[in-house]
Amino acid sequence: MLAKVQDEAGHGLYLYSATESLGISRDELLEQLHTEKAKYSSIFNYATLNWADMGAVGWLVDGAAIVNQVSLQRTSFGPYSRGMVRICKEESFHQRQGYEIVADMALGSPEQKQMAQDALNRMWWPSLMMFRSS
C-alpha cells in the first residue's frame, strides 16, 4: 500500500514539473491545493477501509484513469506527454494488481468474498465518476 501511495505522489510530481515549465511555481500549486482552488480527482477523498478497497481502487479507479489518460500520452506538450507515459505504465500495473487482489479475495472465505463485494460496491460509483466532465 505504501508503494501505491508513493507512486500516486510521484504522479503528482510529474504533473507539477510539467506545470512548472509553463511558469507556475510549485509553491503556487501547493497553495492552490491547500486553499481548495486546485482541481483534482475526488477519488482521493474516499476512505480505503481495508485491503479489499485497495484492490477495488486499483482495478476500477486506476482502470478508469487509464481510459481517460492514455490519449494524453500523445499530446503535443512534451513535459506533460512524457509524464503521462510514465503515469499510464504505473496505472496499468496498479490496475492489474487491483484485479488480482479482488480475484483472490473472491476465491477466499465467505468473509473475504463479502469484503471484496462491499469494496466493489463502494468504489463502483466513484470509478464511474472518473468519466464525467466538469
Protein backbone atom coordinates (compact mmCIF):
# COMPACT_ATOMS: atom_id res chain seq x y z
CA MET A 1 0.00 0.00 0.00
CA LEU A 2 2.86 2.37 0.76
CA ALA A 3 4.31 1.74 -2.70
CA LYS A 4 0.97 2.70 -4.26
CA VAL A 5 0.81 5.91 -2.24
CA GLN A 6 4.39 6.66 -3.27
CA ASP A 7 3.53 6.06 -6.95
CA GLU A 8 0.48 8.34 -6.74
CA ALA A 9 2.54 11.10 -5.11
CA GLY A 10 5.09 10.62 -7.90
CA HIS A 11 2.34 11.15 -10.47
CA GLY A 12 1.61 14.48 -8.86
CA LEU A 13 5.28 15.39 -9.03
CA TYR A 14 5.43 14.56 -12.75
CA LEU A 15 2.47 16.84 -13.38
CA TYR A 16 3.77 19.60 -11.09
CA SER A 17 7.04 19.54 -13.01
CA ALA A 18 5.19 19.85 -16.32
CA THR A 19 3.16 22.73 -14.92
CA GLU A 20 6.29 24.46 -13.64
CA SER A 21 7.62 24.50 -17.19
CA LEU A 22 4.63 26.73 -18.02
CA GLY A 23 5.70 29.29 -15.42
CA ILE A 24 3.75 28.47 -12.26
CA SER A 25 5.80 27.61 -9.20
CA ARG A 26 5.32 24.51 -7.09
CA ASP A 27 4.64 26.80 -4.12
CA GLU A 28 1.73 28.35 -6.04
CA LEU A 29 0.41 24.90 -6.92
CA LEU A 30 0.60 23.75 -3.30
CA GLU A 31 -1.14 26.94 -2.18
CA GLN A 32 -3.97 26.19 -4.62
CA LEU A 33 -4.21 22.66 -3.25
CA HIS A 34 -4.29 23.79 0.38
CA THR A 35 -6.87 26.52 -0.29
CA GLU A 36 -9.03 24.08 -2.30
CA LYS A 37 -8.68 26.11 -5.51
CA ALA A 38 -6.85 23.27 -7.28
CA LYS A 39 -8.93 20.74 -9.18
CA TYR A 40 -8.07 17.08 -8.80
CA SER A 41 -9.79 13.74 -8.85
CA SER A 42 -12.08 13.45 -5.85
CA ILE A 43 -11.33 9.72 -5.67
CA PHE A 44 -8.54 10.66 -3.28
CA ASN A 45 -11.19 11.83 -0.82
CA TYR A 46 -12.72 8.37 -0.41
CA ALA A 47 -11.63 6.24 2.50
CA THR A 48 -9.97 2.90 1.91
CA LEU A 49 -11.19 0.83 4.82
CA ASN A 50 -9.35 -2.44 4.18
CA TRP A 51 -7.24 -4.41 1.73
CA ALA A 52 -10.24 -5.16 -0.48
CA ASP A 53 -10.65 -1.41 -1.01
CA MET A 54 -7.08 -1.26 -2.28
CA GLY A 55 -7.99 -3.93 -4.81
CA ALA A 56 -11.20 -2.20 -5.87
CA VAL A 57 -9.46 1.17 -6.23
CA GLY A 58 -6.69 -0.41 -8.29
CA TRP A 59 -8.98 -2.38 -10.55
CA LEU A 60 -11.81 0.10 -11.05
CA VAL A 61 -10.38 3.55 -10.42
CA ASP A 62 -6.94 3.06 -11.91
CA GLY A 63 -8.62 1.28 -14.82
CA ALA A 64 -10.80 4.34 -15.38
CA ALA A 65 -7.75 6.59 -15.12
CA ILE A 66 -6.01 4.61 -17.86
CA VAL A 67 -9.02 5.00 -20.18
CA ASN A 68 -9.04 8.76 -19.53
CA GLN A 69 -5.29 9.29 -19.70
CA VAL A 70 -3.90 7.05 -22.44
CA SER A 71 -4.70 9.58 -25.18
CA LEU A 72 -2.82 12.24 -23.20
CA GLN A 73 0.43 10.38 -23.91
CA ARG A 74 0.27 11.81 -27.43
CA THR A 75 -0.32 15.45 -26.54
CA SER A 76 1.95 17.99 -28.20
CA PHE A 77 3.20 19.38 -24.86
CA GLY A 78 6.32 17.29 -24.28
CA PRO A 79 6.69 17.50 -20.48
CA TYR A 80 3.06 16.51 -19.99
CA SER A 81 3.19 13.79 -22.63
CA ARG A 82 6.32 12.21 -21.11
CA GLY A 83 4.77 12.34 -17.65
CA MET A 84 1.62 10.66 -18.89
CA VAL A 85 3.62 7.82 -20.48
CA ARG A 86 5.16 7.05 -17.08
CA ILE A 87 1.87 7.52 -15.24
CA CYS A 88 -0.05 5.21 -17.59
CA LYS A 89 2.56 2.46 -17.21
CA GLU A 90 2.27 2.66 -13.44
CA GLU A 91 -1.54 2.86 -13.53
CA SER A 92 -1.59 -0.25 -15.71
CA PHE A 93 0.40 -2.09 -13.03
CA HIS A 94 -1.96 -0.82 -10.30
CA GLN A 95 -4.99 -1.93 -12.32
CA ARG A 96 -3.63 -5.46 -12.78
CA GLN A 97 -2.63 -5.65 -9.11
CA GLY A 98 -6.09 -4.47 -8.05
CA TYR A 99 -7.78 -7.08 -10.22
CA GLU A 100 -5.61 -9.82 -8.72
CA ILE A 101 -6.40 -8.68 -5.17
CA VAL A 102 -10.16 -8.74 -5.84
CA ALA A 103 -9.99 -12.04 -7.76
CA ASP A 104 -8.02 -13.70 -4.95
CA MET A 105 -10.48 -12.46 -2.35
CA ALA A 106 -13.41 -13.68 -4.48
CA LEU A 107 -11.94 -17.20 -4.20
CA GLY A 108 -11.43 -16.91 -0.45
CA SER A 109 -13.56 -17.39 2.61
CA PRO A 110 -17.15 -16.13 2.76
CA GLU A 111 -15.89 -13.16 4.79
CA GLN A 112 -13.26 -12.33 2.16
CA LYS A 113 -15.83 -12.62 -0.62
CA GLN A 114 -18.16 -10.24 1.23
CA MET A 115 -15.31 -7.82 1.91
CA ALA A 116 -14.42 -7.78 -1.80
CA GLN A 117 -18.07 -7.28 -2.80
CA ASP A 118 -18.50 -4.44 -0.31
CA ALA A 119 -15.38 -2.74 -1.66
CA LEU A 120 -16.58 -3.07 -5.25
CA ASN A 121 -19.98 -1.70 -4.27
CA ARG A 122 -18.38 1.34 -2.59
CA MET A 123 -15.88 2.08 -5.36
CA TRP A 124 -18.15 1.43 -8.37
CA TRP A 125 -19.81 4.86 -8.40
CA PRO A 126 -16.59 6.82 -7.72
CA SER A 127 -14.90 4.96 -10.57
CA LEU A 128 -17.75 5.83 -12.93
CA MET A 129 -17.46 9.47 -11.88
CA MET A 130 -13.94 9.45 -13.34
CA PHE A 131 -15.68 9.67 -16.75
CA ARG A 132 -17.83 12.72 -16.08
CA SER A 133 -16.90 16.08 -17.49
CA SER A 134 -16.53 19.04 -15.17
